[in-house]
Amino acid sequence: MPGQVVVLGAKGRMGRSATGAFLATGWRVRTLSRAGLDLDGAEVIEGDAFDAATVAAAARGCDVIVNALNPPYPRWQADLPRLNANVIAAARATGATVMIPGNVYNYGAAMPERLDEQTPQRPTSRKGRLRCQMEQACARAGVPTIVLRAGDFIEGQKTGNWFDSHITAKIGRGRLMYPGPLDR
């Protein structure tokens, strides 16, 4: 039975995809955005995710909170913990499950060829350490959390990510750029 979800960061790749997926399966979808968001079928709430009361109000009555917030990389150290704390507080108040897009930064430069749920997280970058801290904060808070881990989230439309701006940029001319050895 479909439930209700709030998507934080619905303007980004992961947020747009999550919004569309939940809508397509009959969920009631609410989004929180500062402004300028128009998603057919979703209830749009204008507000700032840096405000804990706003996030809590947006999550009221929701079964799932999608935390697709992604501040600019130079702001991660200052912004990720604050945003994550607001999401955790809202999840605790509502009993909602948190869903976050995970990445592979957590595994560090020496990550194995194959990753699974038993692969140790040994971040070697600032971004990796911050993502580990974000996931661990959810676990310490006892908040049910689903981490959707991938190397990148790619949409069917051009959004300026590395895939469409480099790999498939010249696909219309029959050219594909492959970023590594051809046997991998």
Protein backbone atom coordinates (compact mmCIF):
# COMPACT_ATOMS: atom_id res chain seq x y z
CA MET A 1 0.00 0.00 0.00
CA PRO A 2 1.53 3.33 -1.05
CA GLY A 3 2.30 5.81 1.67
CA GLN A 4 3.49 9.37 1.93
CA VAL A 5 7.03 10.60 1.29
CA VAL A 6 8.77 13.94 1.53
CA VAL A 7 11.67 14.54 -0.84
CA LEU A 8 14.29 17.03 0.29
CA GLY A 9 16.46 18.16 -2.60
CA ALA A 10 13.88 17.40 -5.30
CA LYS A 11 15.59 19.78 -7.74
CA GLY A 12 18.67 17.56 -8.03
CA ARG A 13 19.21 14.34 -9.98
CA MET A 14 18.45 11.95 -7.14
CA GLY A 15 15.57 14.05 -5.83
CA ARG A 16 13.87 14.32 -9.23
CA SER A 17 14.26 10.60 -9.83
CA ALA A 18 12.93 9.71 -6.38
CA THR A 19 9.98 12.07 -6.79
CA GLY A 20 9.08 10.52 -10.15
CA ALA A 21 9.49 6.96 -8.89
CA PHE A 22 7.31 7.50 -5.84
CA LEU A 23 4.63 9.30 -7.87
CA ALA A 24 4.64 6.51 -10.48
CA THR A 25 3.88 3.92 -7.79
CA GLY A 26 0.99 5.84 -6.27
CA TRP A 27 2.68 7.41 -3.25
CA ARG A 28 1.60 10.83 -2.04
CA VAL A 29 4.68 12.98 -2.59
CA ARG A 30 5.60 16.18 -0.85
CA THR A 31 8.73 18.15 -1.72
CA LEU A 32 10.58 20.80 0.23
CA SER A 33 12.30 23.48 -1.82
CA ARG A 34 13.40 27.06 -1.32
CA ALA A 35 11.55 28.14 -4.49
CA GLY A 36 11.01 27.55 -8.17
CA LEU A 37 9.95 23.91 -8.07
CA ASP A 38 6.98 22.67 -10.06
CA LEU A 39 6.55 18.89 -10.09
CA ASP A 40 3.27 17.68 -11.50
CA GLY A 41 1.48 15.56 -8.91
CA ALA A 42 3.66 16.50 -5.94
CA GLU A 43 2.71 18.84 -3.12
CA VAL A 44 5.36 21.54 -3.02
CA ILE A 45 6.29 23.16 0.26
CA GLU A 46 8.51 26.21 0.11
CA GLY A 47 11.08 26.39 2.86
CA ASP A 48 14.69 25.95 3.82
CA ALA A 49 16.10 22.55 4.88
CA PHE A 50 18.56 24.38 7.17
CA ASP A 51 15.58 25.19 9.39
CA ALA A 52 14.81 22.18 11.62
CA ALA A 53 11.20 23.22 12.25
CA THR A 54 10.56 23.52 8.51
CA VAL A 55 11.95 20.04 7.84
CA ALA A 56 9.90 18.59 10.71
CA ALA A 57 6.72 20.23 9.42
CA ALA A 58 7.38 18.99 5.86
CA ALA A 59 7.90 15.44 7.17
CA ARG A 60 4.78 15.37 9.35
CA GLY A 61 2.65 12.36 8.40
CA CYS A 62 5.32 10.89 6.10
CA ASP A 63 6.50 7.29 6.10
CA VAL A 64 9.75 8.10 4.28
CA ILE A 65 12.06 11.11 4.15
CA VAL A 66 14.30 11.15 1.08
CA ASN A 67 17.39 13.16 1.97
CA ALA A 68 18.66 14.06 -1.49
CA LEU A 69 20.12 17.35 -0.27
CA ASN A 70 23.51 17.94 -1.86
CA PRO A 71 25.20 21.23 -1.04
CA PRO A 72 28.17 22.31 -3.18
CA TYR A 73 31.26 20.22 -2.37
CA PRO A 74 33.16 23.13 -0.74
CA ARG A 75 30.22 23.51 1.70
CA TRP A 76 29.91 19.82 2.67
CA GLN A 77 31.89 20.08 5.90
CA ALA A 78 29.73 22.91 7.22
CA ASP A 79 26.39 21.96 5.69
CA LEU A 80 26.06 18.14 5.65
CA PRO A 81 26.05 17.70 9.45
CA ARG A 82 23.48 20.49 9.92
CA LEU A 83 21.17 19.20 7.20
CA ASN A 84 21.53 15.61 8.38
CA ALA A 85 20.74 16.60 11.98
CA ASN A 86 17.50 18.22 10.78
CA VAL A 87 16.55 15.08 8.84
CA ILE A 88 17.33 12.85 11.83
CA ALA A 89 15.24 15.05 14.15
CA ALA A 90 12.31 14.94 11.71
CA ALA A 91 12.59 11.16 11.35
CA ARG A 92 12.63 10.69 15.12
CA ALA A 93 9.58 12.93 15.51
CA THR A 94 7.58 11.15 12.79
CA GLY A 95 8.93 7.59 12.90
CA ALA A 96 9.78 7.89 9.19
CA THR A 97 12.47 5.88 7.45
CA VAL A 98 15.28 7.98 6.00
CA MET A 99 16.46 7.24 2.47
CA ILE A 100 19.79 8.70 1.38
CA PRO A 101 21.82 8.41 -1.79
CA GLY A 102 25.13 6.90 -0.79
CA ASN A 103 28.26 7.04 -2.87
CA VAL A 104 31.51 5.11 -3.07
CA TYR A 105 33.66 7.78 -1.39
CA ASN A 106 33.20 5.82 1.84
CA TYR A 107 35.41 2.99 0.60
CA GLY A 108 38.51 5.06 -0.13
CA ALA A 109 41.16 4.92 -2.81
CA ALA A 110 42.00 1.25 -2.16
CA MET A 111 38.43 -0.01 -2.53
CA PRO A 112 38.11 -3.51 -3.97
CA GLU A 113 36.79 -4.20 -7.46
CA ARG A 114 33.48 -5.47 -6.05
CA LEU A 115 31.62 -3.84 -3.19
CA ASP A 116 28.97 -5.43 -1.00
CA GLU A 117 27.43 -4.76 2.40
CA GLN A 118 30.41 -6.41 4.13
CA THR A 119 33.05 -4.22 2.43
CA PRO A 120 34.82 -2.15 5.10
CA GLN A 121 34.49 1.59 4.77
CA ARG A 122 37.93 3.20 4.82
CA PRO A 123 37.52 6.70 3.43
CA THR A 124 40.67 8.45 2.25
CA SER A 125 39.08 11.77 1.27
CA ARG A 126 37.31 14.54 3.18
CA LYS A 127 34.10 13.81 1.22
CA GLY A 128 34.31 10.12 2.11
CA ARG A 129 34.78 10.85 5.81
CA LEU A 130 31.83 13.24 5.78
CA ARG A 131 29.55 10.70 4.06
CA CYS A 132 30.59 8.02 6.58
CA GLN A 133 29.82 10.42 9.43
CA MET A 134 26.42 11.17 7.89
CA GLU A 135 25.47 7.50 7.65
CA GLN A 136 26.86 6.73 11.11
CA ALA A 137 24.87 9.61 12.63
CA CYS A 138 21.65 8.03 11.33
CA ALA A 139 22.68 4.66 12.78
CA ARG A 140 23.62 6.14 16.17
CA ALA A 141 20.29 7.96 16.31
CA GLY A 142 18.46 4.67 15.75
CA VAL A 143 16.72 6.07 12.69
CA PRO A 144 15.69 3.40 10.15
CA THR A 145 17.81 4.25 7.11
CA ILE A 146 18.07 2.97 3.57
CA VAL A 147 21.29 3.87 1.75
CA LEU A 148 21.03 3.67 -2.04
CA ARG A 149 24.72 3.31 -2.89
CA ALA A 150 25.99 3.99 -6.39
CA GLY A 151 28.94 5.62 -8.09
CA ASP A 152 26.64 8.25 -9.60
CA PHE A 153 22.97 8.84 -10.29
CA ILE A 154 22.32 9.27 -13.99
CA GLU A 155 19.08 10.50 -15.50
CA GLY A 156 17.64 10.05 -18.96
CA GLN A 157 17.94 13.79 -19.58
CA LYS A 158 21.06 15.91 -19.89
CA THR A 159 21.78 17.56 -16.56
CA GLY A 160 25.44 18.48 -16.87
CA ASN A 161 26.85 15.55 -14.93
CA TRP A 162 30.10 13.82 -15.91
CA PHE A 163 28.27 11.14 -17.90
CA ASP A 164 26.42 13.37 -20.33
CA SER A 165 29.04 16.14 -20.45
CA HIS A 166 31.97 13.78 -21.13
CA ILE A 167 31.06 10.14 -21.86
CA THR A 168 28.12 10.72 -24.22
CA ALA A 169 28.75 14.35 -25.22
CA LYS A 170 29.43 13.36 -28.87
CA ILE A 171 27.12 10.35 -29.09
CA GLY A 172 25.08 12.09 -31.81
CA ARG A 173 28.20 11.94 -34.01
CA GLY A 174 28.75 8.27 -33.23
CA ARG A 175 31.53 8.91 -30.70
CA LEU A 176 31.70 7.72 -27.12
CA MET A 177 34.47 8.63 -24.67
CA TYR A 178 35.40 5.76 -22.37
CA PRO A 179 37.23 6.80 -19.17
CA GLY A 180 39.45 3.80 -18.63
CA PRO A 181 40.88 0.55 -19.93
CA LEU A 182 38.54 -1.07 -22.47
CA ASP A 183 38.55 -4.41 -20.63
CA ARG A 184 36.75 -2.89 -17.63
